[in-house]
């Protein structure tokens, strides 16, 4: 199946898979650590990696007709895209709560001049 693709699609597929292999562990680490430690920067990094990098890369596999994907691949990539979109929503809500908590901690400290 890979040999039936044209050169551009082959190189793009390899590049996208390589980027996903690099981005996914980093993204999951930031989300896990940011959620457990209630850290706003890590959660924001998780959200930005998901929105700006992972969803467009997954959309390449879901919506590209030149890939000659099997129904199993289409189903798996669609499910992965939907799970990532759900993670976006949940991360946004968690980020909102974490930033409100960080703000309350910041304002609870006495002012020093």
PDB file of N, CA and C in Angstrom:
ATOM      1  N   UNK A   1       0.825  -1.188   0.000  1.00  0.00           N
ATOM      2  CA  UNK A   1       0.000   0.000   0.000  1.00  0.00           C
ATOM      3  C   UNK A   1       0.877   1.261   0.000  1.00  0.00           C
ATOM      4  N   UNK A   2       1.975   1.239   0.745  1.00  0.00           N
ATOM      5  CA  UNK A   2       2.841   2.416   0.804  1.00  0.00           C
ATOM      6  C   UNK A   2       3.494   2.684  -0.544  1.00  0.00           C
ATOM      7  N   UNK A   3       3.799   1.636  -1.292  1.00  0.00           N
ATOM      8  CA  UNK A   3       4.424   1.796  -2.596  1.00  0.00           C
ATOM      9  C   UNK A   3       3.487   2.369  -3.641  1.00  0.00           C
ATOM     10  N   UNK A   4       2.175   2.266  -3.427  1.00  0.00           N
ATOM     11  CA  UNK A   4       1.202   2.780  -4.387  1.00  0.00           C
ATOM     12  C   UNK A   4       1.003   4.289  -4.267  1.00  0.00           C
ATOM     13  N   UNK A   5       1.527   4.899  -3.213  1.00  0.00           N
ATOM     14  CA  UNK A   5       1.365   6.339  -3.009  1.00  0.00           C
ATOM     15  C   UNK A   5       2.370   7.107  -3.851  1.00  0.00           C
ATOM     16  N   UNK A   6       2.011   8.342  -4.212  1.00  0.00           N
ATOM     17  CA  UNK A   6       2.965   9.174  -4.937  1.00  0.00           C
ATOM     18  C   UNK A   6       4.037   9.684  -3.962  1.00  0.00           C
ATOM     19  N   UNK A   7       5.095  10.262  -4.506  1.00  0.00           N
ATOM     20  CA  UNK A   7       6.259  10.624  -3.695  1.00  0.00           C
ATOM     21  C   UNK A   7       5.921  11.650  -2.617  1.00  0.00           C
ATOM     22  N   UNK A   8       5.154  12.663  -2.965  1.00  0.00           N
ATOM     23  CA  UNK A   8       4.826  13.704  -1.996  1.00  0.00           C
ATOM     24  C   UNK A   8       4.022  13.135  -0.835  1.00  0.00           C
ATOM     25  N   UNK A   9       3.043  12.304  -1.134  1.00  0.00           N
ATOM     26  CA  UNK A   9       2.219  11.721  -0.080  1.00  0.00           C
ATOM     27  C   UNK A   9       3.049  10.795   0.802  1.00  0.00           C
ATOM     28  N   UNK A  10       3.983  10.073   0.205  1.00  0.00           N
ATOM     29  CA  UNK A  10       4.871   9.203   0.986  1.00  0.00           C
ATOM     30  C   UNK A  10       5.689  10.007   1.988  1.00  0.00           C
ATOM     31  N   UNK A  11       6.323  11.061   1.504  1.00  0.00           N
ATOM     32  CA  UNK A  11       7.169  11.864   2.379  1.00  0.00           C
ATOM     33  C   UNK A  11       6.345  12.577   3.450  1.00  0.00           C
ATOM     34  N   UNK A  12       5.178  13.065   3.084  1.00  0.00           N
ATOM     35  CA  UNK A  12       4.323  13.713   4.075  1.00  0.00           C
ATOM     36  C   UNK A  12       3.850  12.726   5.135  1.00  0.00           C
ATOM     37  N   UNK A  13       3.504  11.527   4.726  1.00  0.00           N
ATOM     38  CA  UNK A  13       3.055  10.518   5.690  1.00  0.00           C
ATOM     39  C   UNK A  13       4.156  10.173   6.684  1.00  0.00           C
ATOM     40  N   UNK A  14       5.359   9.970   6.186  1.00  0.00           N
ATOM     41  CA  UNK A  14       6.485   9.652   7.071  1.00  0.00           C
ATOM     42  C   UNK A  14       6.775  10.828   7.999  1.00  0.00           C
ATOM     43  N   UNK A  15       6.736  12.036   7.469  1.00  0.00           N
ATOM     44  CA  UNK A  15       6.999  13.222   8.290  1.00  0.00           C
ATOM     45  C   UNK A  15       5.935  13.394   9.370  1.00  0.00           C
ATOM     46  N   UNK A  16       4.674  13.181   9.015  1.00  0.00           N
ATOM     47  CA  UNK A  16       3.593  13.347   9.987  1.00  0.00           C
ATOM     48  C   UNK A  16       3.680  12.277  11.072  1.00  0.00           C
ATOM     49  N   UNK A  17       3.941  11.030  10.699  1.00  0.00           N
ATOM     50  CA  UNK A  17       4.095   9.973  11.703  1.00  0.00           C
ATOM     51  C   UNK A  17       5.277  10.258  12.630  1.00  0.00           C
ATOM     52  N   UNK A  18       6.368  10.752  12.084  1.00  0.00           N
ATOM     53  CA  UNK A  18       7.532  11.082  12.906  1.00  0.00           C
ATOM     54  C   UNK A  18       7.206  12.209  13.878  1.00  0.00           C
ATOM     55  N   UNK A  19       6.527  13.239  13.395  1.00  0.00           N
ATOM     56  CA  UNK A  19       6.134  14.338  14.281  1.00  0.00           C
ATOM     57  C   UNK A  19       5.187  13.862  15.373  1.00  0.00           C
ATOM     58  N   UNK A  20       4.253  12.990  15.025  1.00  0.00           N
ATOM     59  CA  UNK A  20       3.335  12.469  16.035  1.00  0.00           C
ATOM     60  C   UNK A  20       4.070  11.646  17.089  1.00  0.00           C
ATOM     61  N   UNK A  21       5.087  10.893  16.672  1.00  0.00           N
ATOM     62  CA  UNK A  21       5.870  10.115  17.636  1.00  0.00           C
ATOM     63  C   UNK A  21       6.642  11.010  18.597  1.00  0.00           C
ATOM     64  N   UNK A  22       7.031  12.179  18.153  1.00  0.00           N
ATOM     65  CA  UNK A  22       7.757  13.113  19.012  1.00  0.00           C
ATOM     66  C   UNK A  22       6.787  13.917  19.879  1.00  0.00           C
ATOM     67  N   UNK A  23       5.694  14.358  19.304  1.00  0.00           N
ATOM     68  CA  UNK A  23       4.763  15.246  19.998  1.00  0.00           C
ATOM     69  C   UNK A  23       3.950  14.517  21.062  1.00  0.00           C
ATOM     70  N   UNK A  24       3.500  13.311  20.772  1.00  0.00           N
ATOM     71  CA  UNK A  24       2.571  12.623  21.675  1.00  0.00           C
ATOM     72  C   UNK A  24       3.145  12.374  23.070  1.00  0.00           C
ATOM     73  N   UNK A  25       4.355  11.831  23.237  1.00  0.00           N
ATOM     74  CA  UNK A  25       4.863  11.657  24.607  1.00  0.00           C
ATOM     75  C   UNK A  25       5.057  12.984  25.343  1.00  0.00           C
ATOM     76  N   UNK A  26       5.532  13.988  24.630  1.00  0.00           N
ATOM     77  CA  UNK A  26       5.715  15.307  25.242  1.00  0.00           C
ATOM     78  C   UNK A  26       4.381  15.888  25.682  1.00  0.00           C
ATOM     79  N   UNK A  27       3.402  15.773  24.837  1.00  0.00           N
ATOM     80  CA  UNK A  27       2.071  16.299  25.125  1.00  0.00           C
ATOM     81  C   UNK A  27       1.448  15.583  26.325  1.00  0.00           C
ATOM     82  N   UNK A  28       1.562  14.258  26.354  1.00  0.00           N
ATOM     83  CA  UNK A  28       1.000  13.496  27.468  1.00  0.00           C
ATOM     84  C   UNK A  28       1.721  13.794  28.779  1.00  0.00           C
ATOM     85  N   UNK A  29       3.041  13.974  28.735  1.00  0.00           N
ATOM     86  CA  UNK A  29       3.781  14.324  29.947  1.00  0.00           C
ATOM     87  C   UNK A  29       3.326  15.679  30.479  1.00  0.00           C
ATOM     88  N   UNK A  30       3.219  16.668  29.597  1.00  0.00           N
ATOM     89  CA  UNK A  30       2.786  17.999  30.040  1.00  0.00           C
ATOM     90  C   UNK A  30       1.383  17.960  30.633  1.00  0.00           C
ATOM     91  N   UNK A  31       0.488  17.222  30.004  1.00  0.00           N
ATOM     92  CA  UNK A  31      -0.873  17.122  30.518  1.00  0.00           C
ATOM     93  C   UNK A  31      -0.931  16.408  31.852  1.00  0.00           C
ATOM     94  N   UNK A  32      -0.189  15.322  31.988  1.00  0.00           N
ATOM     95  CA  UNK A  32      -0.190  14.546  33.231  1.00  0.00           C
ATOM     96  C   UNK A  32       0.416  15.348  34.377  1.00  0.00           C
ATOM     97  N   UNK A  33       1.595  15.912  34.146  1.00  0.00           N
ATOM     98  CA  UNK A  33       2.264  16.680  35.193  1.00  0.00           C
ATOM     99  C   UNK A  33       1.484  17.946  35.541  1.00  0.00           C
ATOM    100  N   UNK A  34       0.983  18.628  34.535  1.00  0.00           N
ATOM    101  CA  UNK A  34       0.222  19.848  34.792  1.00  0.00           C
ATOM    102  C   UNK A  34      -1.060  19.584  35.548  1.00  0.00           C
ATOM    103  N   UNK A  35      -1.689  18.455  35.274  1.00  0.00           N
ATOM    104  CA  UNK A  35      -2.930  18.121  35.956  1.00  0.00           C
ATOM    105  C   UNK A  35      -2.663  17.703  37.395  1.00  0.00           C
ATOM    106  N   UNK A  36      -1.646  16.867  37.631  1.00  0.00           N
ATOM    107  CA  UNK A  36      -1.367  16.397  38.987  1.00  0.00           C
ATOM    108  C   UNK A  36      -0.817  17.498  39.883  1.00  0.00           C
ATOM    109  N   UNK A  37       0.035  18.343  39.331  1.00  0.00           N
ATOM    110  CA  UNK A  37       0.658  19.395  40.129  1.00  0.00           C
ATOM    111  C   UNK A  37      -0.132  20.701  40.091  1.00  0.00           C
ATOM    112  N   UNK A  38      -1.224  20.719  39.357  1.00  0.00           N
ATOM    113  CA  UNK A  38      -2.060  21.915  39.220  1.00  0.00           C
ATOM    114  C   UNK A  38      -1.228  23.092  38.705  1.00  0.00           C
ATOM    115  N   UNK A  39      -0.430  22.829  37.682  1.00  0.00           N
ATOM    116  CA  UNK A  39       0.463  23.827  37.112  1.00  0.00           C
ATOM    117  C   UNK A  39      -0.136  24.388  35.831  1.00  0.00           C
ATOM    118  N   UNK A  40      -0.282  25.691  35.782  1.00  0.00           N
ATOM    119  CA  UNK A  40      -0.892  26.355  34.630  1.00  0.00           C
ATOM    120  C   UNK A  40       0.006  26.307  33.388  1.00  0.00           C
ATOM    121  N   UNK A  41       1.324  26.559  33.473  1.00  0.00           N
ATOM    122  CA  UNK A  41       2.142  26.548  32.246  1.00  0.00           C
ATOM    123  C   UNK A  41       2.162  25.194  31.533  1.00  0.00           C
ATOM    124  N   UNK A  42       2.222  24.104  32.313  1.00  0.00           N
ATOM    125  CA  UNK A  42       2.244  22.782  31.693  1.00  0.00           C
ATOM    126  C   UNK A  42       0.913  22.461  31.032  1.00  0.00           C
ATOM    127  N   UNK A  43      -0.176  22.829  31.681  1.00  0.00           N
ATOM    128  CA  UNK A  43      -1.490  22.604  31.073  1.00  0.00           C
ATOM    129  C   UNK A  43      -1.662  23.447  29.815  1.00  0.00           C
ATOM    130  N   UNK A  44      -1.159  24.667  29.848  1.00  0.00           N
ATOM    131  CA  UNK A  44      -1.240  25.508  28.653  1.00  0.00           C
ATOM    132  C   UNK A  44      -0.384  24.936  27.529  1.00  0.00           C
ATOM    133  N   UNK A  45       0.783  24.389  27.869  1.00  0.00           N
ATOM    134  CA  UNK A  45       1.621  23.735  26.861  1.00  0.00           C
ATOM    135  C   UNK A  45       0.939  22.523  26.256  1.00  0.00           C
ATOM    136  N   UNK A  46       0.273  21.734  27.094  1.00  0.00           N
ATOM    137  CA  UNK A  46      -0.489  20.586  26.608  1.00  0.00           C
ATOM    138  C   UNK A  46      -1.580  21.033  25.641  1.00  0.00           C
ATOM    139  N   UNK A  47      -2.303  22.072  26.022  1.00  0.00           N
ATOM    140  CA  UNK A  47      -3.393  22.564  25.180  1.00  0.00           C
ATOM    141  C   UNK A  47      -2.861  23.118  23.859  1.00  0.00           C
ATOM    142  N   UNK A  48      -1.764  23.861  23.908  1.00  0.00           N
ATOM    143  CA  UNK A  48      -1.208  24.421  22.672  1.00  0.00           C
ATOM    144  C   UNK A  48      -0.650  23.338  21.756  1.00  0.00           C
ATOM    145  N   UNK A  49       0.030  22.338  22.318  1.00  0.00           N
ATOM    146  CA  UNK A  49       0.525  21.246  21.479  1.00  0.00           C
ATOM    147  C   UNK A  49      -0.623  20.493  20.821  1.00  0.00           C
ATOM    148  N   UNK A  50      -1.707  20.319  21.559  1.00  0.00           N
ATOM    149  CA  UNK A  50      -2.839  19.594  20.997  1.00  0.00           C
ATOM    150  C   UNK A  50      -3.507  20.392  19.890  1.00  0.00           C
ATOM    151  N   UNK A  51      -3.788  21.650  20.157  1.00  0.00           N
ATOM    152  CA  UNK A  51      -4.532  22.464  19.184  1.00  0.00           C
ATOM    153  C   UNK A  51      -3.678  22.817  17.971  1.00  0.00           C
ATOM    154  N   UNK A  52      -2.437  23.216  18.206  1.00  0.00           N
ATOM    155  CA  UNK A  52      -1.613  23.722  17.111  1.00  0.00           C
ATOM    156  C   UNK A  52      -0.843  22.648  16.359  1.00  0.00           C
ATOM    157  N   UNK A  53      -0.586  21.508  16.994  1.00  0.00           N
ATOM    158  CA  UNK A  53       0.232  20.492  16.333  1.00  0.00           C
ATOM    159  C   UNK A  53      -0.530  19.197  16.070  1.00  0.00           C
ATOM    160  N   UNK A  54      -1.117  18.621  17.113  1.00  0.00           N
ATOM    161  CA  UNK A  54      -1.644  17.272  16.953  1.00  0.00           C
ATOM    162  C   UNK A  54      -2.922  17.218  16.124  1.00  0.00           C
ATOM    163  N   UNK A  55      -3.872  18.088  16.379  1.00  0.00           N
ATOM    164  CA  UNK A  55      -5.123  18.031  15.612  1.00  0.00           C
ATOM    165  C   UNK A  55      -4.916  18.279  14.116  1.00  0.00           C
ATOM    166  N   UNK A  56      -4.080  19.241  13.693  1.00  0.00           N
ATOM    167  CA  UNK A  56      -3.835  19.360  12.246  1.00  0.00           C
ATOM    168  C   UNK A  56      -3.139  18.139  11.648  1.00  0.00           C
ATOM    169  N   UNK A  57      -2.200  17.545  12.398  1.00  0.00           N
ATOM    170  CA  UNK A  57      -1.522  16.355  11.885  1.00  0.00           C
ATOM    171  C   UNK A  57      -2.483  15.180  11.767  1.00  0.00           C
ATOM    172  N   UNK A  58      -3.350  15.011  12.748  1.00  0.00           N
ATOM    173  CA  UNK A  58      -4.341  13.936  12.666  1.00  0.00           C
ATOM    174  C   UNK A  58      -5.362  14.208  11.570  1.00  0.00           C
ATOM    175  N   UNK A  59      -5.677  15.470  11.356  1.00  0.00           N
ATOM    176  CA  UNK A  59      -6.615  15.813  10.278  1.00  0.00           C
ATOM    177  C   UNK A  59      -6.047  15.437   8.916  1.00  0.00           C
ATOM    178  N   UNK A  60      -4.727  15.467   8.781  1.00  0.00           N
ATOM    179  CA  UNK A  60      -4.095  15.026   7.537  1.00  0.00           C
ATOM    180  C   UNK A  60      -4.460  13.579   7.247  1.00  0.00           C
ATOM    181  N   UNK A  61      -4.427  12.725   8.260  1.00  0.00           N
ATOM    182  CA  UNK A  61      -4.753  11.316   8.048  1.00  0.00           C
ATOM    183  C   UNK A  61      -6.247  11.083   7.883  1.00  0.00           C
ATOM    184  N   UNK A  62      -7.059  11.857   8.565  1.00  0.00           N
ATOM    185  CA  UNK A  62      -8.508  11.634   8.509  1.00  0.00           C
ATOM    186  C   UNK A  62      -9.088  12.128   7.190  1.00  0.00           C
ATOM    187  N   UNK A  63      -8.663  13.295   6.716  1.00  0.00           N
ATOM    188  CA  UNK A  63      -9.330  13.928   5.580  1.00  0.00           C
ATOM    189  C   UNK A  63      -8.592  13.819   4.248  1.00  0.00           C
ATOM    190  N   UNK A  64      -7.403  13.237   4.212  1.00  0.00           N
ATOM    191  CA  UNK A  64      -6.648  13.133   2.964  1.00  0.00           C
ATOM    192  C   UNK A  64      -7.100  11.900   2.188  1.00  0.00           C
ATOM    193  N   UNK A  65      -7.634  12.116   1.001  1.00  0.00           N
ATOM    194  CA  UNK A  65      -8.132  11.015   0.177  1.00  0.00           C
ATOM    195  C   UNK A  65      -7.020  10.314  -0.596  1.00  0.00           C
ATOM    196  N   UNK A  66      -5.849  10.919  -0.705  1.00  0.00           N
ATOM    197  CA  UNK A  66      -4.749  10.335  -1.471  1.00  0.00           C
ATOM    198  C   UNK A  66      -3.978   9.261  -0.712  1.00  0.00           C
ATOM    199  N   UNK A  67      -4.316   9.003   0.537  1.00  0.00           N
ATOM    200  CA  UNK A  67      -3.554   8.063   1.349  1.00  0.00           C
ATOM    201  C   UNK A  67      -3.939   6.605   1.127  1.00  0.00           C
ATOM    202  N   UNK A  68      -5.042   6.331   0.468  1.00  0.00           N
ATOM    203  CA  UNK A  68      -5.512   4.968   0.240  1.00  0.00           C
ATOM    204  C   UNK A  68      -5.656   4.217   1.561  1.00  0.00           C
ATOM    205  N   UNK A  69      -6.279   4.859   2.546  1.00  0.00           N
ATOM    206  CA  UNK A  69      -6.415   4.279   3.881  1.00  0.00           C
ATOM    207  C   UNK A  69      -7.453   3.171   3.888  1.00  0.00           C
ATOM    208  N   UNK A  70      -7.204   2.176   4.719  1.00  0.00           N
ATOM    209  CA  UNK A  70      -8.183   1.108   4.915  1.00  0.00           C
ATOM    210  C   UNK A  70      -9.258   1.612   5.871  1.00  0.00           C
ATOM    211  N   UNK A  71     -10.413   0.965   5.907  1.00  0.00           N
ATOM    212  CA  UNK A  71     -11.454   1.395   6.846  1.00  0.00           C
ATOM    213  C   UNK A  71     -10.999   1.352   8.309  1.00  0.00           C
ATOM    214  N   UNK A  72     -10.135   0.412   8.639  1.00  0.00           N
ATOM    215  CA  UNK A  72      -9.622   0.341  10.009  1.00  0.00           C
ATOM    216  C   UNK A  72      -8.780   1.569  10.338  1.00  0.00           C
ATOM    217  N   UNK A  73      -7.928   1.983   9.413  1.00  0.00           N
ATOM    218  CA  UNK A  73      -7.104   3.170   9.639  1.00  0.00           C
ATOM    219  C   UNK A  73      -7.963   4.419   9.769  1.00  0.00           C
ATOM    220  N   UNK A  74      -8.962   4.538   8.925  1.00  0.00           N
ATOM    221  CA  UNK A  74      -9.853   5.702   8.996  1.00  0.00           C
ATOM    222  C   UNK A  74     -10.573   5.727  10.340  1.00  0.00           C
ATOM    223  N   UNK A  75     -11.054   4.568  10.784  1.00  0.00           N
ATOM    224  CA  UNK A  75     -11.754   4.492  12.066  1.00  0.00           C
ATOM    225  C   UNK A  75     -10.824   4.850  13.223  1.00  0.00           C
ATOM    226  N   UNK A  76      -9.618   4.301  13.224  1.00  0.00           N
ATOM    227  CA  UNK A  76      -8.677   4.582  14.311  1.00  0.00           C
ATOM    228  C   UNK A  76      -8.242   6.044  14.333  1.00  0.00           C
ATOM    229  N   UNK A  77      -7.959   6.608  13.168  1.00  0.00           N
ATOM    230  CA  UNK A  77      -7.559   8.017  13.134  1.00  0.00           C
ATOM    231  C   UNK A  77      -8.715   8.933  13.529  1.00  0.00           C
ATOM    232  N   UNK A  78      -9.929   8.576  13.134  1.00  0.00           N
ATOM    233  CA  UNK A  78     -11.091   9.378  13.526  1.00  0.00           C
ATOM    234  C   UNK A  78     -11.307   9.320  15.033  1.00  0.00           C
ATOM    235  N   UNK A  79     -11.179   8.125  15.612  1.00  0.00           N
ATOM    236  CA  UNK A  79     -11.330   7.992  17.065  1.00  0.00           C
ATOM    237  C   UNK A  79     -10.230   8.771  17.797  1.00  0.00           C
ATOM    238  N   UNK A  80      -9.009   8.693  17.292  1.00  0.00           N
ATOM    239  CA  UNK A  80      -7.894   9.425  17.888  1.00  0.00           C
ATOM    240  C   UNK A  80      -8.147  10.928  17.810  1.00  0.00           C
ATOM    241  N   UNK A  81      -8.682  11.391  16.682  1.00  0.00           N
ATOM    242  CA  UNK A  81      -8.994  12.808  16.520  1.00  0.00           C
ATOM    243  C   UNK A  81     -10.090  13.227  17.503  1.00  0.00           C
ATOM    244  N   UNK A  82     -11.108  12.387  17.656  1.00  0.00           N
ATOM    245  CA  UNK A  82     -12.210  12.717  18.571  1.00  0.00           C
ATOM    246  C   UNK A  82     -11.752  12.720  20.031  1.00  0.00           C
ATOM    247  N   UNK A  83     -10.892  11.780  20.402  1.00  0.00           N
ATOM    248  CA  UNK A  83     -10.358  11.755  21.767  1.00  0.00           C
ATOM    249  C   UNK A  83      -9.505  12.996  22.018  1.00  0.00           C
ATOM    250  N   UNK A  84      -8.711  13.390  21.050  1.00  0.00           N
ATOM    251  CA  UNK A  84      -7.890  14.597  21.201  1.00  0.00           C
ATOM    252  C   UNK A  84      -8.758  15.847  21.314  1.00  0.00           C
ATOM    253  N   UNK A  85      -9.834  15.905  20.556  1.00  0.00           N
ATOM    254  CA  UNK A  85     -10.743  17.053  20.659  1.00  0.00           C
ATOM    255  C   UNK A  85     -11.414  17.083  22.032  1.00  0.00           C
ATOM    256  N   UNK A  86     -11.776  15.919  22.559  1.00  0.00           N
ATOM    257  CA  UNK A  86     -12.358  15.852  23.899  1.00  0.00           C
ATOM    258  C   UNK A  86     -11.333  16.267  24.949  1.00  0.00           C
ATOM    259  N   UNK A  87     -10.084  15.839  24.779  1.00  0.00           N
ATOM    260  CA  UNK A  87      -9.015  16.266  25.683  1.00  0.00           C
ATOM    261  C   UNK A  87      -8.860  17.783  25.665  1.00  0.00           C
ATOM    262  N   UNK A  88      -9.031  18.399  24.508  1.00  0.00           N
ATOM    263  CA  UNK A  88      -8.964  19.861  24.418  1.00  0.00           C
ATOM    264  C   UNK A  88     -10.003  20.510  25.309  1.00  0.00           C
ATOM    265  N   UNK A  89     -11.216  20.044  25.212  1.00  0.00           N
ATOM    266  CA  UNK A  89     -12.299  20.615  26.010  1.00  0.00           C
ATOM    267  C   UNK A  89     -12.029  20.430  27.497  1.00  0.00           C
ATOM    268  N   UNK A  90     -11.662  19.219  27.901  1.00  0.00           N
ATOM    269  CA  UNK A  90     -11.412  18.952  29.312  1.00  0.00           C
ATOM    270  C   UNK A  90     -10.194  19.714  29.822  1.00  0.00           C
ATOM    271  N   UNK A  91      -9.173  19.847  29.003  1.00  0.00           N
ATOM    272  CA  UNK A  91      -7.987  20.603  29.406  1.00  0.00           C
ATOM    273  C   UNK A  91      -8.316  22.084  29.565  1.00  0.00           C
ATOM    274  N   UNK A  92      -9.154  22.599  28.698  1.00  0.00           N
ATOM    275  CA  UNK A  92      -9.545  24.005  28.823  1.00  0.00           C
ATOM    276  C   UNK A  92     -10.270  24.241  30.145  1.00  0.00           C
ATOM    277  N   UNK A  93     -11.179  23.335  30.504  1.00  0.00           N
ATOM    278  CA  UNK A  93     -11.899  23.475  31.770  1.00  0.00           C
ATOM    279  C   UNK A  93     -10.950  23.344  32.961  1.00  0.00           C
ATOM    280  N   UNK A  94     -10.026  22.399  32.886  1.00  0.00           N
ATOM    281  CA  UNK A  94      -9.043  22.207  33.952  1.00  0.00           C
ATOM    282  C   UNK A  94      -8.111  23.414  34.055  1.00  0.00           C
ATOM    283  N   UNK A  95      -7.731  23.958  32.920  1.00  0.00           N
ATOM    284  CA  UNK A  95      -6.855  25.130  32.901  1.00  0.00           C
ATOM    285  C   UNK A  95      -7.553  26.340  33.518  1.00  0.00           C
ATOM    286  N   UNK A  96      -8.832  26.456  33.275  1.00  0.00           N
ATOM    287  CA  UNK A  96      -9.608  27.541  33.875  1.00  0.00           C
ATOM    288  C   UNK A  96      -9.616  27.430  35.400  1.00  0.00           C
ATOM    289  N   UNK A  97      -9.841  26.210  35.898  1.00  0.00           N
ATOM    290  CA  UNK A  97      -9.849  25.996  37.349  1.00  0.00           C
ATOM    291  C   UNK A  97      -8.460  26.203  37.945  1.00  0.00           C
ATOM    292  N   UNK A  98      -7.432  25.712  37.269  1.00  0.00           N
ATOM    293  CA  UNK A  98      -6.067  25.854  37.784  1.00  0.00           C
ATOM    294  C   UNK A  98      -5.644  27.317  37.828  1.00  0.00           C
ATOM    295  N   UNK A  99      -6.016  28.082  36.816  1.00  0.00           N
ATOM    296  CA  UNK A  99      -5.643  29.501  36.823  1.00  0.00           C
ATOM    297  C   UNK A  99      -6.424  30.268  37.885  1.00  0.00           C
ATOM    298  N   UNK A 100      -7.677  29.890  38.124  1.00  0.00           N
ATOM    299  CA  UNK A 100      -8.442  30.534  39.195  1.00  0.00           C
ATOM    300  C   UNK A 100      -7.830  30.209  40.558  1.00  0.00           C
ATOM    301  N   UNK A 101      -7.389  28.966  40.733  1.00  0.00           N
ATOM    302  CA  UNK A 101      -6.741  28.584  41.988  1.00  0.00           C
ATOM    303  C   UNK A 101      -5.420  29.326  42.168  1.00  0.00           C
ATOM    304  N   UNK A 102      -4.613  29.414  41.122  1.00  0.00           N
ATOM    305  CA  UNK A 102      -3.333  30.121  41.204  1.00  0.00           C
ATOM    306  C   UNK A 102      -3.556  31.604  41.499  1.00  0.00           C
ATOM    307  N   UNK A 103      -4.592  32.161  40.925  1.00  0.00           N
ATOM    308  CA  UNK A 103      -4.912  33.569  41.180  1.00  0.00           C
ATOM    309  C   UNK A 103      -5.329  33.771  42.630  1.00  0.00           C
ATOM    310  N   UNK A 104      -6.124  32.853  43.168  1.00  0.00           N
ATOM    311  CA  UNK A 104      -6.551  32.986  44.563  1.00  0.00           C
ATOM    312  C   UNK A 104      -5.370  32.833  45.518  1.00  0.00           C
ATOM    313  N   UNK A 105      -4.430  31.955  45.199  1.00  0.00           N
ATOM    314  CA  UNK A 105      -3.232  31.807  46.031  1.00  0.00           C
ATOM    315  C   UNK A 105      -2.393  33.072  45.967  1.00  0.00           C
ATOM    316  N   UNK A 106      -2.267  33.646  44.784  1.00  0.00           N
ATOM    317  CA  UNK A 106      -1.470  34.861  44.618  1.00  0.00           C
ATOM    318  C   UNK A 106      -2.068  36.021  45.411  1.00  0.00           C
ATOM    319  N   UNK A 107      -3.378  36.182  45.353  1.00  0.00           N
ATOM    320  CA  UNK A 107      -4.006  37.305  46.043  1.00  0.00           C
ATOM    321  C   UNK A 107      -4.163  37.064  47.538  1.00  0.00           C
ATOM    322  N   UNK A 108      -3.985  35.843  48.006  1.00  0.00           N
ATOM    323  CA  UNK A 108      -4.121  35.580  49.437  1.00  0.00           C
ATOM    324  C   UNK A 108      -2.854  35.926  50.215  1.00  0.00           C
ATOM    325  N   UNK A 109      -1.728  36.106  49.523  1.00  0.00           N
ATOM    326  CA  UNK A 109      -0.489  36.474  50.207  1.00  0.00           C
ATOM    327  C   UNK A 109      -0.561  37.932  50.637  1.00  0.00           C
ATOM    328  N   UNK A 110       0.002  38.234  51.822  1.00  0.00           N
ATOM    329  CA  UNK A 110      -0.001  39.641  52.257  1.00  0.00           C
ATOM    330  C   UNK A 110       0.922  40.477  51.373  1.00  0.00           C
ATOM    331  N   UNK A 111       0.552  41.718  51.239  1.00  0.00           N
ATOM    332  CA  UNK A 111       1.344  42.620  50.399  1.00  0.00           C
ATOM    333  C   UNK A 111       2.558  43.106  51.175  1.00  0.00           C
ATOM    334  N   UNK A 112       3.697  43.068  50.512  1.00  0.00           N
ATOM    335  CA  UNK A 112       4.935  43.564  51.115  1.00  0.00           C
ATOM    336  C   UNK A 112       5.455  44.705  50.258  1.00  0.00           C
ATOM    337  N   UNK A 113       5.832  45.766  50.910  1.00  0.00           N
ATOM    338  CA  UNK A 113       6.330  46.928  50.172  1.00  0.00           C
ATOM    339  C   UNK A 113       7.773  47.139  50.432  1.00  0.00           C
TER     340      UNK A 113
END
